[in-house]
Amino acid sequence: MAELDELTTTMDLHHPILREFPEDRETIKRLKASDERFRKMFEEYHQLDDAIYRIEEEIDFASDQEMEEMKKRRAWLKDQIYHAIRHPSFAIAAAAMQAQQPQRAVAIP
């Protein structure tokens, strides 16, 4: 029984987007395939989620301030991802407009 409690506690530390929004699995797949901005947010969210998990499990270490900042960033990303999932046509249109912007050359000294 203790093993089950430990497993449940460990699993609850991770917050993957597909578990947070299981009913939106197809929309998430479509956005990941078509929207680079969404894909980057999705990847950053999961990298932060994994880093937070590792700190909470004392595998890695961070200050309380660093941990708080990471959790705030993860929450902000989750809000952005949720908005994109709920308004996928807007997210895809925004990505298309961004792709049409001319790339600026940057002079390297």
PDB file of N, CA and C in Angstrom:
ATOM      1  N   MET A   1       0.820  -1.189   0.000  1.00  0.00           N
ATOM      2  CA  MET A   1       0.000   0.000   0.000  1.00  0.00           C
ATOM      3  C   MET A   1       0.867   1.256   0.000  1.00  0.00           C
ATOM      4  N   ALA A   2       1.972   1.240   0.754  1.00  0.00           N
ATOM      5  CA  ALA A   2       2.884   2.385   0.797  1.00  0.00           C
ATOM      6  C   ALA A   2       3.464   2.667  -0.582  1.00  0.00           C
ATOM      7  N   GLU A   3       3.744   1.587  -1.360  1.00  0.00           N
ATOM      8  CA  GLU A   3       4.259   1.765  -2.707  1.00  0.00           C
ATOM      9  C   GLU A   3       3.254   2.491  -3.588  1.00  0.00           C
ATOM     10  N   LEU A   4       1.984   2.159  -3.464  1.00  0.00           N
ATOM     11  CA  LEU A   4       0.943   2.814  -4.246  1.00  0.00           C
ATOM     12  C   LEU A   4       0.859   4.290  -3.882  1.00  0.00           C
ATOM     13  N   ASP A   5       0.907   4.608  -2.585  1.00  0.00           N
ATOM     14  CA  ASP A   5       0.869   6.002  -2.154  1.00  0.00           C
ATOM     15  C   ASP A   5       2.073   6.764  -2.694  1.00  0.00           C
ATOM     16  N   GLU A   6       3.258   6.139  -2.655  1.00  0.00           N
ATOM     17  CA  GLU A   6       4.459   6.784  -3.160  1.00  0.00           C
ATOM     18  C   GLU A   6       4.360   7.001  -4.660  1.00  0.00           C
ATOM     19  N   LEU A   7       3.866   6.023  -5.397  1.00  0.00           N
ATOM     20  CA  LEU A   7       3.703   6.133  -6.834  1.00  0.00           C
ATOM     21  C   LEU A   7       2.723   7.245  -7.173  1.00  0.00           C
ATOM     22  N   THR A   8       1.604   7.305  -6.478  1.00  0.00           N
ATOM     23  CA  THR A   8       0.608   8.341  -6.723  1.00  0.00           C
ATOM     24  C   THR A   8       1.200   9.718  -6.451  1.00  0.00           C
ATOM     25  N   THR A   9       1.918   9.875  -5.363  1.00  0.00           N
ATOM     26  CA  THR A   9       2.530  11.155  -5.030  1.00  0.00           C
ATOM     27  C   THR A   9       3.539  11.558  -6.101  1.00  0.00           C
ATOM     28  N   THR A  10       4.377  10.631  -6.523  1.00  0.00           N
ATOM     29  CA  THR A  10       5.372  10.917  -7.540  1.00  0.00           C
ATOM     30  C   THR A  10       4.704  11.304  -8.848  1.00  0.00           C
ATOM     31  N   MET A  11       3.692  10.579  -9.253  1.00  0.00           N
ATOM     32  CA  MET A  11       3.009  10.878 -10.508  1.00  0.00           C
ATOM     33  C   MET A  11       2.321  12.234 -10.457  1.00  0.00           C
ATOM     34  N   ASP A  12       1.812  12.618  -9.304  1.00  0.00           N
ATOM     35  CA  ASP A  12       1.108  13.881  -9.179  1.00  0.00           C
ATOM     36  C   ASP A  12       2.032  15.086  -9.300  1.00  0.00           C
ATOM     37  N   LEU A  13       3.334  14.890  -9.197  1.00  0.00           N
ATOM     38  CA  LEU A  13       4.270  15.999  -9.306  1.00  0.00           C
ATOM     39  C   LEU A  13       4.427  16.470 -10.743  1.00  0.00           C
ATOM     40  N   HIS A  14       4.203  15.595 -11.689  1.00  0.00           N
ATOM     41  CA  HIS A  14       4.263  15.970 -13.106  1.00  0.00           C
ATOM     42  C   HIS A  14       2.900  16.455 -13.560  1.00  0.00           C
ATOM     43  N   HIS A  15       2.909  17.465 -14.425  1.00  0.00           N
ATOM     44  CA  HIS A  15       1.667  18.032 -14.937  1.00  0.00           C
ATOM     45  C   HIS A  15       1.715  18.123 -16.466  1.00  0.00           C
ATOM     46  N   PRO A  16       1.836  17.006 -17.164  1.00  0.00           N
ATOM     47  CA  PRO A  16       1.915  17.084 -18.631  1.00  0.00           C
ATOM     48  C   PRO A  16       0.623  17.644 -19.230  1.00  0.00           C
ATOM     49  N   ILE A  17       0.786  18.405 -20.281  1.00  0.00           N
ATOM     50  CA  ILE A  17      -0.353  19.063 -20.925  1.00  0.00           C
ATOM     51  C   ILE A  17      -1.401  18.046 -21.377  1.00  0.00           C
ATOM     52  N   LEU A  18      -0.987  16.925 -21.924  1.00  0.00           N
ATOM     53  CA  LEU A  18      -1.970  15.946 -22.400  1.00  0.00           C
ATOM     54  C   LEU A  18      -2.773  15.342 -21.258  1.00  0.00           C
ATOM     55  N   ARG A  19      -2.214  15.323 -20.055  1.00  0.00           N
ATOM     56  CA  ARG A  19      -2.989  14.860 -18.907  1.00  0.00           C
ATOM     57  C   ARG A  19      -3.871  15.982 -18.367  1.00  0.00           C
ATOM     58  N   GLU A  20      -3.389  17.210 -18.479  1.00  0.00           N
ATOM     59  CA  GLU A  20      -4.168  18.356 -18.024  1.00  0.00           C
ATOM     60  C   GLU A  20      -5.394  18.590 -18.911  1.00  0.00           C
ATOM     61  N   PHE A  21      -5.242  18.346 -20.214  1.00  0.00           N
ATOM     62  CA  PHE A  21      -6.316  18.585 -21.183  1.00  0.00           C
ATOM     63  C   PHE A  21      -6.530  17.357 -22.070  1.00  0.00           C
ATOM     64  N   PRO A  22      -6.921  16.214 -21.499  1.00  0.00           N
ATOM     65  CA  PRO A  22      -7.027  14.979 -22.298  1.00  0.00           C
ATOM     66  C   PRO A  22      -8.071  15.059 -23.409  1.00  0.00           C
ATOM     67  N   GLU A  23      -9.100  15.842 -23.220  1.00  0.00           N
ATOM     68  CA  GLU A  23     -10.153  15.949 -24.231  1.00  0.00           C
ATOM     69  C   GLU A  23      -9.700  16.753 -25.455  1.00  0.00           C
ATOM     70  N   ASP A  24      -8.542  17.404 -25.354  1.00  0.00           N
ATOM     71  CA  ASP A  24      -8.051  18.251 -26.447  1.00  0.00           C
ATOM     72  C   ASP A  24      -6.838  17.647 -27.146  1.00  0.00           C
ATOM     73  N   ARG A  25      -6.662  16.351 -26.998  1.00  0.00           N
ATOM     74  CA  ARG A  25      -5.486  15.674 -27.564  1.00  0.00           C
ATOM     75  C   ARG A  25      -5.306  15.960 -29.065  1.00  0.00           C
ATOM     76  N   GLU A  26      -6.367  15.872 -29.843  1.00  0.00           N
ATOM     77  CA  GLU A  26      -6.255  16.089 -31.295  1.00  0.00           C
ATOM     78  C   GLU A  26      -5.910  17.530 -31.626  1.00  0.00           C
ATOM     79  N   THR A  27      -6.516  18.471 -30.918  1.00  0.00           N
ATOM     80  CA  THR A  27      -6.211  19.888 -31.139  1.00  0.00           C
ATOM     81  C   THR A  27      -4.752  20.162 -30.808  1.00  0.00           C
ATOM     82  N   ILE A  28      -4.257  19.594 -29.727  1.00  0.00           N
ATOM     83  CA  ILE A  28      -2.866  19.774 -29.327  1.00  0.00           C
ATOM     84  C   ILE A  28      -1.933  19.215 -30.395  1.00  0.00           C
ATOM     85  N   LYS A  29      -2.224  18.025 -30.896  1.00  0.00           N
ATOM     86  CA  LYS A  29      -1.402  17.425 -31.959  1.00  0.00           C
ATOM     87  C   LYS A  29      -1.378  18.323 -33.191  1.00  0.00           C
ATOM     88  N   ARG A  30      -2.550  18.832 -33.574  1.00  0.00           N
ATOM     89  CA  ARG A  30      -2.656  19.684 -34.758  1.00  0.00           C
ATOM     90  C   ARG A  30      -1.855  20.978 -34.555  1.00  0.00           C
ATOM     91  N   LEU A  31      -1.974  21.581 -33.370  1.00  0.00           N
ATOM     92  CA  LEU A  31      -1.239  22.817 -33.103  1.00  0.00           C
ATOM     93  C   LEU A  31       0.267  22.576 -33.074  1.00  0.00           C
ATOM     94  N   LYS A  32       0.691  21.464 -32.485  1.00  0.00           N
ATOM     95  CA  LYS A  32       2.122  21.157 -32.462  1.00  0.00           C
ATOM     96  C   LYS A  32       2.680  20.995 -33.872  1.00  0.00           C
ATOM     97  N   ALA A  33       1.865  20.458 -34.765  1.00  0.00           N
ATOM     98  CA  ALA A  33       2.313  20.218 -36.136  1.00  0.00           C
ATOM     99  C   ALA A  33       2.292  21.487 -36.990  1.00  0.00           C
ATOM    100  N   SER A  34       1.425  22.440 -36.654  1.00  0.00           N
ATOM    101  CA  SER A  34       1.226  23.584 -37.542  1.00  0.00           C
ATOM    102  C   SER A  34       1.673  24.929 -36.977  1.00  0.00           C
ATOM    103  N   ASP A  35       1.938  25.004 -35.690  1.00  0.00           N
ATOM    104  CA  ASP A  35       2.208  26.295 -35.048  1.00  0.00           C
ATOM    105  C   ASP A  35       3.515  26.224 -34.273  1.00  0.00           C
ATOM    106  N   GLU A  36       4.554  26.835 -34.832  1.00  0.00           N
ATOM    107  CA  GLU A  36       5.872  26.777 -34.194  1.00  0.00           C
ATOM    108  C   GLU A  36       5.854  27.423 -32.812  1.00  0.00           C
ATOM    109  N   ARG A  37       5.134  28.524 -32.665  1.00  0.00           N
ATOM    110  CA  ARG A  37       5.053  29.204 -31.367  1.00  0.00           C
ATOM    111  C   ARG A  37       4.431  28.272 -30.320  1.00  0.00           C
ATOM    112  N   PHE A  38       3.351  27.599 -30.692  1.00  0.00           N
ATOM    113  CA  PHE A  38       2.703  26.660 -29.781  1.00  0.00           C
ATOM    114  C   PHE A  38       3.662  25.530 -29.419  1.00  0.00           C
ATOM    115  N   ARG A  39       4.344  25.010 -30.428  1.00  0.00           N
ATOM    116  CA  ARG A  39       5.272  23.893 -30.197  1.00  0.00           C
ATOM    117  C   ARG A  39       6.382  24.304 -29.222  1.00  0.00           C
ATOM    118  N   LYS A  40       6.906  25.512 -29.377  1.00  0.00           N
ATOM    119  CA  LYS A  40       7.958  25.986 -28.472  1.00  0.00           C
ATOM    120  C   LYS A  40       7.422  26.155 -27.055  1.00  0.00           C
ATOM    121  N   MET A  41       6.211  26.699 -26.913  1.00  0.00           N
ATOM    122  CA  MET A  41       5.618  26.837 -25.580  1.00  0.00           C
ATOM    123  C   MET A  41       5.385  25.468 -24.955  1.00  0.00           C
ATOM    124  N   PHE A  42       4.887  24.523 -25.754  1.00  0.00           N
ATOM    125  CA  PHE A  42       4.624  23.164 -25.293  1.00  0.00           C
ATOM    126  C   PHE A  42       5.919  22.530 -24.786  1.00  0.00           C
ATOM    127  N   GLU A  43       6.992  22.660 -25.558  1.00  0.00           N
ATOM    128  CA  GLU A  43       8.280  22.077 -25.170  1.00  0.00           C
ATOM    129  C   GLU A  43       8.843  22.752 -23.927  1.00  0.00           C
ATOM    130  N   GLU A  44       8.772  24.095 -23.868  1.00  0.00           N
ATOM    131  CA  GLU A  44       9.285  24.797 -22.687  1.00  0.00           C
ATOM    132  C   GLU A  44       8.494  24.410 -21.446  1.00  0.00           C
ATOM    133  N   TYR A  45       7.160  24.299 -21.597  1.00  0.00           N
ATOM    134  CA  TYR A  45       6.320  23.905 -20.469  1.00  0.00           C
ATOM    135  C   TYR A  45       6.794  22.563 -19.908  1.00  0.00           C
ATOM    136  N   HIS A  46       7.017  21.593 -20.796  1.00  0.00           N
ATOM    137  CA  HIS A  46       7.405  20.263 -20.331  1.00  0.00           C
ATOM    138  C   HIS A  46       8.831  20.236 -19.767  1.00  0.00           C
ATOM    139  N   GLN A  47       9.722  21.056 -20.312  1.00  0.00           N
ATOM    140  CA  GLN A  47      11.065  21.149 -19.737  1.00  0.00           C
ATOM    141  C   GLN A  47      11.000  21.727 -18.323  1.00  0.00           C
ATOM    142  N   LEU A  48      10.193  22.776 -18.141  1.00  0.00           N
ATOM    143  CA  LEU A  48      10.023  23.358 -16.808  1.00  0.00           C
ATOM    144  C   LEU A  48       9.359  22.372 -15.856  1.00  0.00           C
ATOM    145  N   ASP A  49       8.342  21.686 -16.348  1.00  0.00           N
ATOM    146  CA  ASP A  49       7.635  20.717 -15.513  1.00  0.00           C
ATOM    147  C   ASP A  49       8.602  19.638 -15.029  1.00  0.00           C
ATOM    148  N   ASP A  50       9.458  19.172 -15.922  1.00  0.00           N
ATOM    149  CA  ASP A  50      10.432  18.148 -15.539  1.00  0.00           C
ATOM    150  C   ASP A  50      11.449  18.711 -14.543  1.00  0.00           C
ATOM    151  N   ALA A  51      11.911  19.938 -14.776  1.00  0.00           N
ATOM    152  CA  ALA A  51      12.876  20.554 -13.865  1.00  0.00           C
ATOM    153  C   ALA A  51      12.262  20.741 -12.477  1.00  0.00           C
ATOM    154  N   ILE A  52      11.017  21.181 -12.420  1.00  0.00           N
ATOM    155  CA  ILE A  52      10.329  21.368 -11.142  1.00  0.00           C
ATOM    156  C   ILE A  52      10.176  20.029 -10.429  1.00  0.00           C
ATOM    157  N   TYR A  53       9.803  19.007 -11.160  1.00  0.00           N
ATOM    158  CA  TYR A  53       9.685  17.664 -10.592  1.00  0.00           C
ATOM    159  C   TYR A  53      11.016  17.226  -9.978  1.00  0.00           C
ATOM    160  N   ARG A  54      12.111  17.425 -10.724  1.00  0.00           N
ATOM    161  CA  ARG A  54      13.429  16.991 -10.254  1.00  0.00           C
ATOM    162  C   ARG A  54      13.838  17.741  -8.982  1.00  0.00           C
ATOM    163  N   ILE A  55      13.464  19.009  -8.895  1.00  0.00           N
ATOM    164  CA  ILE A  55      13.776  19.790  -7.687  1.00  0.00           C
ATOM    165  C   ILE A  55      12.914  19.311  -6.522  1.00  0.00           C
ATOM    166  N   GLU A  56      11.628  19.098  -6.774  1.00  0.00           N
ATOM    167  CA  GLU A  56      10.732  18.639  -5.708  1.00  0.00           C
ATOM    168  C   GLU A  56      11.124  17.252  -5.192  1.00  0.00           C
ATOM    169  N   GLU A  57      11.689  16.437  -6.049  1.00  0.00           N
ATOM    170  CA  GLU A  57      12.140  15.103  -5.652  1.00  0.00           C
ATOM    171  C   GLU A  57      13.567  15.120  -5.107  1.00  0.00           C
ATOM    172  N   GLU A  58      14.139  16.317  -5.017  1.00  0.00           N
ATOM    173  CA  GLU A  58      15.498  16.523  -4.504  1.00  0.00           C
ATOM    174  C   GLU A  58      16.558  15.803  -5.331  1.00  0.00           C
ATOM    175  N   ILE A  59      16.290  15.661  -6.611  1.00  0.00           N
ATOM    176  CA  ILE A  59      17.277  15.130  -7.556  1.00  0.00           C
ATOM    177  C   ILE A  59      18.202  16.278  -7.965  1.00  0.00           C
ATOM    178  N   ASP A  60      17.603  17.445  -8.197  1.00  0.00           N
ATOM    179  CA  ASP A  60      18.327  18.681  -8.495  1.00  0.00           C
ATOM    180  C   ASP A  60      17.982  19.691  -7.407  1.00  0.00           C
ATOM    181  N   PHE A  61      18.700  20.803  -7.404  1.00  0.00           N
ATOM    182  CA  PHE A  61      18.488  21.801  -6.358  1.00  0.00           C
ATOM    183  C   PHE A  61      18.291  23.177  -6.972  1.00  0.00           C
ATOM    184  N   ALA A  62      17.510  24.006  -6.274  1.00  0.00           N
ATOM    185  CA  ALA A  62      17.285  25.397  -6.663  1.00  0.00           C
ATOM    186  C   ALA A  62      16.870  26.163  -5.423  1.00  0.00           C
ATOM    187  N   SER A  63      17.080  27.467  -5.476  1.00  0.00           N
ATOM    188  CA  SER A  63      16.641  28.301  -4.355  1.00  0.00           C
ATOM    189  C   SER A  63      15.119  28.409  -4.391  1.00  0.00           C
ATOM    190  N   ASP A  64      14.549  28.836  -3.283  1.00  0.00           N
ATOM    191  CA  ASP A  64      13.091  29.027  -3.231  1.00  0.00           C
ATOM    192  C   ASP A  64      12.651  30.041  -4.281  1.00  0.00           C
ATOM    193  N   GLN A  65      13.442  31.097  -4.481  1.00  0.00           N
ATOM    194  CA  GLN A  65      13.094  32.118  -5.469  1.00  0.00           C
ATOM    195  C   GLN A  65      13.127  31.540  -6.881  1.00  0.00           C
ATOM    196  N   GLU A  66      14.158  30.762  -7.181  1.00  0.00           N
ATOM    197  CA  GLU A  66      14.240  30.133  -8.507  1.00  0.00           C
ATOM    198  C   GLU A  66      13.045  29.208  -8.739  1.00  0.00           C
ATOM    199  N   MET A  67      12.706  28.437  -7.722  1.00  0.00           N
ATOM    200  CA  MET A  67      11.576  27.515  -7.832  1.00  0.00           C
ATOM    201  C   MET A  67      10.278  28.286  -8.062  1.00  0.00           C
ATOM    202  N   GLU A  68      10.092  29.365  -7.324  1.00  0.00           N
ATOM    203  CA  GLU A  68       8.886  30.183  -7.477  1.00  0.00           C
ATOM    204  C   GLU A  68       8.794  30.760  -8.892  1.00  0.00           C
ATOM    205  N   GLU A  69       9.912  31.254  -9.410  1.00  0.00           N
ATOM    206  CA  GLU A  69       9.933  31.802 -10.765  1.00  0.00           C
ATOM    207  C   GLU A  69       9.622  30.729 -11.803  1.00  0.00           C
ATOM    208  N   MET A  70      10.165  29.548 -11.603  1.00  0.00           N
ATOM    209  CA  MET A  70       9.896  28.447 -12.530  1.00  0.00           C
ATOM    210  C   MET A  70       8.408  28.081 -12.511  1.00  0.00           C
ATOM    211  N   LYS A  71       7.820  28.021 -11.329  1.00  0.00           N
ATOM    212  CA  LYS A  71       6.402  27.668 -11.216  1.00  0.00           C
ATOM    213  C   LYS A  71       5.519  28.748 -11.827  1.00  0.00           C
ATOM    214  N   LYS A  72       5.881  30.007 -11.661  1.00  0.00           N
ATOM    215  CA  LYS A  72       5.110  31.099 -12.275  1.00  0.00           C
ATOM    216  C   LYS A  72       5.193  31.023 -13.799  1.00  0.00           C
ATOM    217  N   ARG A  73       6.391  30.751 -14.315  1.00  0.00           N
ATOM    218  CA  ARG A  73       6.568  30.637 -15.766  1.00  0.00           C
ATOM    219  C   ARG A  73       5.758  29.451 -16.303  1.00  0.00           C
ATOM    220  N   ARG A  74       5.802  28.332 -15.594  1.00  0.00           N
ATOM    221  CA  ARG A  74       5.027  27.159 -16.014  1.00  0.00           C
ATOM    222  C   ARG A  74       3.542  27.483 -16.042  1.00  0.00           C
ATOM    223  N   ALA A  75       3.044  28.183 -15.019  1.00  0.00           N
ATOM    224  CA  ALA A  75       1.625  28.554 -14.967  1.00  0.00           C
ATOM    225  C   ALA A  75       1.277  29.489 -16.118  1.00  0.00           C
ATOM    226  N   TRP A  76       2.163  30.449 -16.416  1.00  0.00           N
ATOM    227  CA  TRP A  76       1.914  31.372 -17.529  1.00  0.00           C
ATOM    228  C   TRP A  76       1.863  30.605 -18.853  1.00  0.00           C
ATOM    229  N   LEU A  77       2.810  29.688 -19.044  1.00  0.00           N
ATOM    230  CA  LEU A  77       2.822  28.882 -20.271  1.00  0.00           C
ATOM    231  C   LEU A  77       1.548  28.043 -20.375  1.00  0.00           C
ATOM    232  N   LYS A  78       1.117  27.472 -19.261  1.00  0.00           N
ATOM    233  CA  LYS A  78      -0.105  26.668 -19.277  1.00  0.00           C
ATOM    234  C   LYS A  78      -1.297  27.528 -19.685  1.00  0.00           C
ATOM    235  N   ASP A  79      -1.366  28.754 -19.196  1.00  0.00           N
ATOM    236  CA  ASP A  79      -2.448  29.666 -19.594  1.00  0.00           C
ATOM    237  C   ASP A  79      -2.403  29.964 -21.087  1.00  0.00           C
ATOM    238  N   GLN A  80      -1.201  30.211 -21.610  1.00  0.00           N
ATOM    239  CA  GLN A  80      -1.052  30.489 -23.044  1.00  0.00           C
ATOM    240  C   GLN A  80      -1.438  29.271 -23.882  1.00  0.00           C
ATOM    241  N   ILE A  81      -1.017  28.112 -23.449  1.00  0.00           N
ATOM    242  CA  ILE A  81      -1.346  26.871 -24.159  1.00  0.00           C
ATOM    243  C   ILE A  81      -2.850  26.634 -24.121  1.00  0.00           C
ATOM    244  N   TYR A  82      -3.469  26.842 -22.958  1.00  0.00           N
ATOM    245  CA  TYR A  82      -4.921  26.679 -22.823  1.00  0.00           C
ATOM    246  C   TYR A  82      -5.650  27.614 -23.787  1.00  0.00           C
ATOM    247  N   HIS A  83      -5.209  28.867 -23.849  1.00  0.00           N
ATOM    248  CA  HIS A  83      -5.840  29.834 -24.757  1.00  0.00           C
ATOM    249  C   HIS A  83      -5.708  29.366 -26.211  1.00  0.00           C
ATOM    250  N   ALA A  84      -4.523  28.893 -26.577  1.00  0.00           N
ATOM    251  CA  ALA A  84      -4.311  28.417 -27.951  1.00  0.00           C
ATOM    252  C   ALA A  84      -5.178  27.199 -28.258  1.00  0.00           C
ATOM    253  N   ILE A  85      -5.351  26.318 -27.278  1.00  0.00           N
ATOM    254  CA  ILE A  85      -6.190  25.132 -27.471  1.00  0.00           C
ATOM    255  C   ILE A  85      -7.650  25.534 -27.651  1.00  0.00           C
ATOM    256  N   ARG A  86      -8.103  26.496 -26.871  1.00  0.00           N
ATOM    257  CA  ARG A  86      -9.504  26.931 -26.929  1.00  0.00           C
ATOM    258  C   ARG A  86      -9.801  27.779 -28.150  1.00  0.00           C
ATOM    259  N   HIS A  87      -8.772  28.389 -28.722  1.00  0.00           N
ATOM    260  CA  HIS A  87      -8.928  29.241 -29.900  1.00  0.00           C
ATOM    261  C   HIS A  87      -7.906  28.828 -30.962  1.00  0.00           C
ATOM    262  N   PRO A  88      -7.977  27.586 -31.443  1.00  0.00           N
ATOM    263  CA  PRO A  88      -6.923  27.081 -32.340  1.00  0.00           C
ATOM    264  C   PRO A  88      -6.834  27.834 -33.658  1.00  0.00           C
ATOM    265  N   SER A  89      -7.950  28.303 -34.183  1.00  0.00           N
ATOM    266  CA  SER A  89      -7.885  29.011 -35.461  1.00  0.00           C
ATOM    267  C   SER A  89      -7.123  30.322 -35.291  1.00  0.00           C
ATOM    268  N   PHE A  90      -7.271  30.982 -34.138  1.00  0.00           N
ATOM    269  CA  PHE A  90      -6.533  32.206 -33.869  1.00  0.00           C
ATOM    270  C   PHE A  90      -5.040  31.910 -33.761  1.00  0.00           C
ATOM    271  N   ALA A  91      -4.687  30.847 -33.054  1.00  0.00           N
ATOM    272  CA  ALA A  91      -3.280  30.486 -32.878  1.00  0.00           C
ATOM    273  C   ALA A  91      -2.636  30.142 -34.221  1.00  0.00           C
ATOM    274  N   ILE A  92      -3.345  29.414 -35.056  1.00  0.00           N
ATOM    275  CA  ILE A  92      -2.809  29.027 -36.362  1.00  0.00           C
ATOM    276  C   ILE A  92      -2.690  30.256 -37.255  1.00  0.00           C
ATOM    277  N   ALA A  93      -3.680  31.143 -37.223  1.00  0.00           N
ATOM    278  CA  ALA A  93      -3.628  32.375 -38.016  1.00  0.00           C
ATOM    279  C   ALA A  93      -2.462  33.253 -37.561  1.00  0.00           C
ATOM    280  N   ALA A  94      -2.254  33.370 -36.259  1.00  0.00           N
ATOM    281  CA  ALA A  94      -1.144  34.166 -35.733  1.00  0.00           C
ATOM    282  C   ALA A  94       0.191  33.580 -36.175  1.00  0.00           C
ATOM    283  N   ALA A  95       0.295  32.269 -36.168  1.00  0.00           N
ATOM    284  CA  ALA A  95       1.529  31.612 -36.604  1.00  0.00           C
ATOM    285  C   ALA A  95       1.767  31.856 -38.090  1.00  0.00           C
ATOM    286  N   ALA A  96       0.694  31.812 -38.883  1.00  0.00           N
ATOM    287  CA  ALA A  96       0.826  32.056 -40.326  1.00  0.00           C
ATOM    288  C   ALA A  96       1.275  33.487 -40.594  1.00  0.00           C
ATOM    289  N   MET A  97       0.706  34.437 -39.859  1.00  0.00           N
ATOM    290  CA  MET A  97       1.114  35.833 -40.027  1.00  0.00           C
ATOM    291  C   MET A  97       2.571  36.017 -39.634  1.00  0.00           C
ATOM    292  N   GLN A  98       2.979  35.366 -38.566  1.00  0.00           N
ATOM    293  CA  GLN A  98       4.361  35.467 -38.118  1.00  0.00           C
ATOM    294  C   GLN A  98       5.301  34.887 -39.168  1.00  0.00           C
ATOM    295  N   ALA A  99       4.905  33.802 -39.803  1.00  0.00           N
ATOM    296  CA  ALA A  99       5.735  33.157 -40.820  1.00  0.00           C
ATOM    297  C   ALA A  99       5.881  34.040 -42.056  1.00  0.00           C
ATOM    298  N   GLN A 100       4.885  34.896 -42.320  1.00  0.00           N
ATOM    299  CA  GLN A 100       4.924  35.761 -43.498  1.00  0.00           C
ATOM    300  C   GLN A 100       5.768  37.014 -43.281  1.00  0.00           C
ATOM    301  N   GLN A 101       6.129  37.302 -42.030  1.00  0.00           N
ATOM    302  CA  GLN A 101       6.944  38.481 -41.741  1.00  0.00           C
ATOM    303  C   GLN A 101       8.312  38.298 -42.379  1.00  0.00           C
ATOM    304  N   PRO A 102       8.802  39.342 -43.068  1.00  0.00           N
ATOM    305  CA  PRO A 102      10.141  39.214 -43.664  1.00  0.00           C
ATOM    306  C   PRO A 102      11.200  39.089 -42.567  1.00  0.00           C
ATOM    307  N   GLN A 103      12.155  38.237 -42.828  1.00  0.00           N
ATOM    308  CA  GLN A 103      13.247  38.041 -41.880  1.00  0.00           C
ATOM    309  C   GLN A 103      14.229  39.193 -42.031  1.00  0.00           C
ATOM    310  N   ARG A 104      14.637  39.766 -40.919  1.00  0.00           N
ATOM    311  CA  ARG A 104      15.585  40.869 -40.943  1.00  0.00           C
ATOM    312  C   ARG A 104      16.994  40.329 -40.814  1.00  0.00           C
ATOM    313  N   ALA A 105      17.850  40.853 -41.636  1.00  0.00           N
ATOM    314  CA  ALA A 105      19.252  40.455 -41.553  1.00  0.00           C
ATOM    315  C   ALA A 105      19.885  41.181 -40.368  1.00  0.00           C
ATOM    316  N   VAL A 106      20.670  40.472 -39.629  1.00  0.00           N
ATOM    317  CA  VAL A 106      21.354  41.048 -38.479  1.00  0.00           C
ATOM    318  C   VAL A 106      22.834  41.146 -38.816  1.00  0.00           C
ATOM    319  N   ALA A 107      23.355  42.365 -38.711  1.00  0.00           N
ATOM    320  CA  ALA A 107      24.775  42.563 -38.992  1.00  0.00           C
ATOM    321  C   ALA A 107      25.593  42.073 -37.808  1.00  0.00           C
ATOM    322  N   ILE A 108      26.561  41.254 -38.090  1.00  0.00           N
ATOM    323  CA  ILE A 108      27.455  40.748 -37.050  1.00  0.00           C
ATOM    324  C   ILE A 108      28.748  41.526 -37.142  1.00  0.00           C
ATOM    325  N   PRO A 109      29.116  42.225 -36.076  1.00  0.00           N
ATOM    326  CA  PRO A 109      30.345  43.048 -36.126  1.00  0.00           C
ATOM    327  C   PRO A 109      31.590  42.218 -36.249  1.00  0.00           C
TER     328      PRO A 109
END
